[in-house]
Amino acid sequence: MSQGGLTGLRTLITGGSSGIGSATAALMSGAGASVAVIDVAAAHMAHVLFEPADITDTTAVATAVAACVGHLGGLDVLVNCAGIGARGTIEDNDDDEWRQVFDVNVLGVARVSRAALPALRASEKASIVNVSSIVATLGLPDRALYAASKGAVHALTLAMAADLVRDGIRVNSVVPGTVDTPWVARLLASAEDPVAERAALEARQPHGRLVNPEEVASTIAFLASPAAASITGTAVAVDGGMTGLRLRGTQRG
């Protein structure tokens, strides 16, 4: 997917220290965008500003966003990638964990977007890309809390797109399948049989493997670019066919 026109785009990415966020920062910076990252984890990447902040802290978010906008000289693109996972059925996660996951995955998007909006409204190429998940659209086992949070991100994306279209701000989301990220690596490491668990995750994606972070980053970059100027209120699946395909028998994986 082409990401033409990224040169000079002033871009802020949350959760850019690892996984999808890191891949997006590297891709967009390498393609000529000016990139700043907000994350609780320290990281270093050439030509990328890292601003430490906890996105559950409204004051810290406002300070970090202001610092990033000042460094970039404005803002054209916001990528809300920061998030945390959770395993379990509706019986397995207590109220404190529900609050924590929603505080990061949903309220975090709201806090950062709210802080970034004044700068985005001043841009002629404004775009927000939220990172959702396949669990927002498909029922998968042992993901009740995580699915609820990402379902909220999906709905929030549509509402934001409707509210901001008249301001010239496009809002879309990417919907990754199972991505080969550090979080998935930790899940596999905790399984009784990591090799068998990885094989099962690969097999449930019709193309027979995990999605790699760079593939999701490429889609984010496209949605953020002027090439996608007429795309808003859209969720783009990067899932190896999980959403749309129902294959007969064993075809791959």
Protein backbone atom coordinates (compact mmCIF):
# COMPACT_ATOMS: atom_id res chain seq x y z
CA MET A 1 0.00 0.00 0.00
CA SER A 2 1.50 3.33 -1.04
CA GLN A 3 2.24 5.95 1.61
CA GLY A 4 2.98 8.73 -0.88
CA GLY A 5 3.00 12.23 0.51
CA LEU A 6 4.31 11.57 4.01
CA THR A 7 7.18 14.04 3.63
CA GLY A 8 6.84 16.81 6.16
CA LEU A 9 3.76 15.42 7.90
CA ARG A 10 4.02 16.36 11.57
CA THR A 11 3.06 13.14 13.34
CA LEU A 12 2.44 12.19 16.95
CA ILE A 13 2.28 8.51 17.89
CA THR A 14 1.32 7.11 21.29
CA GLY A 15 2.77 3.79 22.37
CA GLY A 16 5.63 4.13 19.93
CA SER A 17 8.31 2.31 21.91
CA SER A 18 7.49 -1.19 20.69
CA GLY A 19 5.29 -3.28 18.42
CA ILE A 20 2.96 -1.55 15.98
CA GLY A 21 3.72 1.92 17.34
CA SER A 22 7.47 1.50 16.93
CA ALA A 23 7.06 0.10 13.42
CA THR A 24 4.83 3.06 12.51
CA ALA A 25 7.31 5.60 13.89
CA ALA A 26 10.16 4.00 11.95
CA LEU A 27 8.19 3.77 8.70
CA MET A 28 6.82 7.30 8.78
CA SER A 29 10.10 8.87 9.88
CA GLY A 30 11.93 6.95 7.16
CA ALA A 31 9.41 8.21 4.59
CA GLY A 32 10.04 11.84 5.48
CA ALA A 33 7.48 12.59 8.19
CA SER A 34 8.46 14.51 11.33
CA VAL A 35 7.65 12.14 14.20
CA ALA A 36 7.22 12.45 17.95
CA VAL A 37 6.28 9.61 20.29
CA ILE A 38 4.52 9.62 23.66
CA ASP A 39 5.07 6.50 25.75
CA VAL A 40 5.70 5.48 29.34
CA ALA A 41 8.63 3.31 28.18
CA ALA A 42 11.92 4.89 27.23
CA ALA A 43 13.18 4.25 23.72
CA HIS A 44 15.55 5.71 21.17
CA MET A 45 15.05 6.00 17.44
CA ALA A 46 16.93 8.17 14.98
CA HIS A 47 15.12 11.40 14.06
CA VAL A 48 12.22 10.67 16.45
CA LEU A 49 11.42 12.72 19.57
CA PHE A 50 10.37 10.63 22.58
CA GLU A 51 8.30 12.37 25.25
CA PRO A 52 7.62 10.31 28.39
CA ALA A 53 4.04 10.38 29.67
CA ASP A 54 1.38 8.12 31.15
CA ILE A 55 -1.75 8.49 29.04
CA THR A 56 -3.94 7.79 32.09
CA ASP A 57 -2.74 11.14 33.53
CA THR A 58 -4.64 14.06 31.97
CA THR A 59 -2.11 16.68 33.08
CA ALA A 60 0.85 14.64 31.84
CA VAL A 61 -0.88 14.10 28.50
CA ALA A 62 -1.55 17.82 28.03
CA THR A 63 2.08 18.64 28.86
CA ALA A 64 3.51 15.94 26.59
CA VAL A 65 1.25 16.79 23.63
CA ALA A 66 2.13 20.48 23.97
CA ALA A 67 5.84 19.62 24.02
CA CYS A 68 5.52 17.41 20.94
CA VAL A 69 3.49 20.00 19.02
CA GLY A 70 6.04 22.65 19.92
CA HIS A 71 8.92 20.46 18.75
CA LEU A 72 7.16 19.55 15.51
CA GLY A 73 5.96 23.09 14.82
CA GLY A 74 2.33 21.97 14.61
CA LEU A 75 0.49 18.70 14.07
CA ASP A 76 -0.98 16.95 11.05
CA VAL A 77 -1.35 13.34 12.18
CA LEU A 78 -2.21 11.64 15.47
CA VAL A 79 -1.83 7.86 15.77
CA ASN A 80 -3.46 6.47 18.92
CA CYS A 81 -1.58 3.21 19.28
CA ALA A 82 -0.94 2.93 23.03
CA GLY A 83 -2.84 0.08 24.62
CA ILE A 84 -2.66 -2.83 27.02
CA GLY A 85 -4.05 -6.33 26.72
CA ALA A 86 -6.08 -8.59 28.96
CA ARG A 87 -6.95 -12.29 28.94
CA GLY A 88 -9.98 -14.03 30.34
CA THR A 89 -13.72 -14.50 30.19
CA ILE A 90 -16.26 -12.17 31.78
CA GLU A 91 -15.61 -13.97 35.09
CA ASP A 92 -11.84 -13.65 35.13
CA ASN A 93 -11.02 -9.94 35.35
CA ASP A 94 -11.88 -7.93 38.44
CA ASP A 95 -13.23 -4.39 38.47
CA ASP A 96 -9.80 -2.84 38.97
CA GLU A 97 -8.46 -4.52 35.83
CA TRP A 98 -11.53 -3.40 33.86
CA ARG A 99 -10.92 0.18 34.97
CA GLN A 100 -7.21 -0.02 34.15
CA VAL A 101 -7.71 -1.41 30.63
CA PHE A 102 -10.44 1.08 29.77
CA ASP A 103 -8.38 3.91 31.27
CA VAL A 104 -5.54 3.16 28.85
CA ASN A 105 -7.30 1.79 25.77
CA VAL A 106 -10.34 4.08 25.63
CA LEU A 107 -9.88 7.10 27.87
CA GLY A 108 -6.27 7.29 26.69
CA VAL A 109 -7.49 7.82 23.13
CA ALA A 110 -9.91 10.48 24.34
CA ARG A 111 -7.31 12.32 26.44
CA VAL A 112 -4.64 12.46 23.76
CA SER A 113 -7.09 13.33 20.97
CA ARG A 114 -8.65 16.10 23.06
CA ALA A 115 -5.23 17.59 23.78
CA ALA A 116 -4.19 17.35 20.13
CA LEU A 117 -7.33 18.81 18.55
CA PRO A 118 -6.38 22.50 18.65
CA ALA A 119 -3.20 21.78 16.70
CA LEU A 120 -4.96 19.39 14.32
CA ARG A 121 -7.64 22.00 13.54
CA ALA A 122 -4.88 24.32 12.34
CA SER A 123 -3.63 21.72 9.83
CA GLU A 124 -4.81 21.36 6.24
CA LYS A 125 -3.91 17.62 6.27
CA ALA A 126 -5.32 16.59 9.62
CA SER A 127 -5.87 12.92 10.33
CA ILE A 128 -6.33 10.66 13.34
CA VAL A 129 -5.75 6.91 13.13
CA ASN A 130 -6.85 4.76 16.07
CA VAL A 131 -5.56 1.22 16.55
CA SER A 132 -8.43 -1.15 17.25
CA SER A 133 -8.33 -4.97 17.06
CA ILE A 134 -10.01 -7.92 15.40
CA VAL A 135 -11.63 -8.63 18.78
CA ALA A 136 -13.79 -5.53 18.24
CA THR A 137 -15.57 -7.25 15.36
CA LEU A 138 -15.23 -11.00 15.99
CA GLY A 139 -15.99 -13.05 19.07
CA LEU A 140 -12.75 -14.69 20.21
CA PRO A 141 -12.40 -16.75 23.40
CA ASP A 142 -10.74 -15.43 26.55
CA ARG A 143 -10.72 -11.80 25.44
CA ALA A 144 -13.87 -10.35 27.05
CA LEU A 145 -12.30 -7.28 28.66
CA TYR A 146 -9.89 -6.56 25.82
CA ALA A 147 -12.70 -6.98 23.27
CA ALA A 148 -14.94 -4.59 25.17
CA SER A 149 -12.22 -1.93 25.22
CA LYS A 150 -11.39 -2.29 21.52
CA GLY A 151 -15.08 -2.36 20.64
CA ALA A 152 -15.30 1.00 22.38
CA VAL A 153 -12.37 2.27 20.29
CA HIS A 154 -14.19 1.14 17.13
CA ALA A 155 -17.37 3.01 18.12
CA LEU A 156 -15.39 6.04 19.30
CA THR A 157 -13.62 6.24 15.94
CA LEU A 158 -16.94 6.50 14.10
CA ALA A 159 -18.24 9.13 16.52
CA MET A 160 -15.04 11.17 16.26
CA ALA A 161 -15.17 10.98 12.46
CA ALA A 162 -18.72 12.34 12.47
CA ASP A 163 -17.89 15.12 14.92
CA LEU A 164 -14.68 16.25 13.23
CA VAL A 165 -15.39 15.93 9.51
CA ARG A 166 -16.53 19.56 9.29
CA ASP A 167 -13.25 20.61 10.88
CA GLY A 168 -11.37 18.89 8.06
CA ILE A 169 -10.05 16.17 10.37
CA ARG A 170 -10.31 12.60 9.09
CA VAL A 171 -10.63 9.80 11.66
CA ASN A 172 -10.12 6.12 10.82
CA SER A 173 -8.99 2.95 12.52
CA VAL A 174 -6.91 -0.07 11.69
CA VAL A 175 -8.17 -3.45 12.84
CA PRO A 176 -5.23 -5.84 13.17
CA GLY A 177 -5.54 -9.58 13.49
CA THR A 178 -3.03 -11.35 15.72
CA VAL A 179 0.19 -9.39 15.32
CA ASP A 180 3.67 -10.66 16.15
CA THR A 181 4.27 -8.14 18.95
CA PRO A 182 6.01 -8.36 22.34
CA TRP A 183 2.59 -8.78 24.03
CA VAL A 184 1.76 -11.80 21.89
CA ALA A 185 5.25 -13.14 22.55
CA ARG A 186 4.56 -12.93 26.30
CA LEU A 187 1.24 -14.74 25.86
CA LEU A 188 2.96 -17.51 23.94
CA ALA A 189 5.72 -17.79 26.54
CA SER A 190 3.13 -18.29 29.28
CA ALA A 191 1.29 -21.07 27.41
CA GLU A 192 1.71 -24.71 28.42
CA ASP A 193 2.93 -25.50 24.89
CA PRO A 194 4.17 -22.27 23.22
CA VAL A 195 4.87 -24.00 19.90
CA ALA A 196 1.38 -25.47 19.69
CA GLU A 197 -0.21 -22.19 20.80
CA ARG A 198 1.65 -20.25 18.10
CA ALA A 199 0.59 -22.81 15.51
CA ALA A 200 -3.05 -22.41 16.62
CA LEU A 201 -2.85 -18.60 16.35
CA GLU A 202 -1.31 -18.86 12.89
CA ALA A 203 -3.86 -21.40 11.71
CA ARG A 204 -6.88 -19.26 12.62
CA GLN A 205 -5.69 -16.55 10.22
CA PRO A 206 -6.56 -17.67 6.67
CA HIS A 207 -3.19 -16.59 5.26
CA GLY A 208 -1.54 -18.95 7.70
CA ARG A 209 0.74 -16.72 9.78
CA LEU A 210 0.79 -13.89 12.27
CA VAL A 211 0.53 -10.35 10.92
CA ASN A 212 3.79 -8.46 11.23
CA PRO A 213 3.87 -4.96 12.78
CA GLU A 214 5.24 -3.40 9.60
CA GLU A 215 2.12 -4.48 7.68
CA VAL A 216 -0.11 -2.66 10.16
CA ALA A 217 2.24 0.34 10.13
CA SER A 218 1.98 0.52 6.35
CA THR A 219 -1.80 0.72 6.56
CA ILE A 220 -1.65 3.38 9.28
CA ALA A 221 0.72 5.43 7.15
CA PHE A 222 -1.59 5.18 4.15
CA LEU A 223 -4.63 6.29 6.16
CA ALA A 224 -2.61 9.21 7.54
CA SER A 225 -1.40 10.30 4.12
CA PRO A 226 -3.03 12.69 1.64
CA ALA A 227 -3.52 9.66 -0.61
CA ALA A 228 -6.42 8.74 1.71
CA ALA A 229 -7.95 12.22 1.67
CA SER A 230 -11.49 10.89 1.00
CA ILE A 231 -11.33 8.12 3.61
CA THR A 232 -12.89 8.86 6.99
CA GLY A 233 -15.03 6.87 9.41
CA THR A 234 -13.53 3.65 8.08
CA ALA A 235 -12.06 0.60 9.81
CA VAL A 236 -9.41 -1.17 7.74
CA ALA A 237 -8.75 -4.80 8.62
CA VAL A 238 -5.16 -6.06 8.51
CA ASP A 239 -5.95 -9.59 9.59
CA GLY A 240 -4.90 -12.11 6.96
CA GLY A 241 -8.55 -12.62 5.99
CA MET A 242 -10.02 -13.38 9.43
CA THR A 243 -12.91 -10.97 9.04
CA GLY A 244 -14.06 -11.73 5.55
CA LEU A 245 -12.99 -15.27 4.66
CA ARG A 246 -14.54 -18.61 5.57
CA LEU A 247 -12.36 -21.28 3.97
CA ARG A 248 -13.19 -24.95 3.57
CA GLY A 249 -10.77 -27.42 5.09
CA THR A 250 -7.09 -26.76 5.65
CA GLN A 251 -5.71 -24.47 2.98
CA ARG A 252 -2.70 -22.87 4.61
CA GLY A 253 -1.05 -23.01 8.00
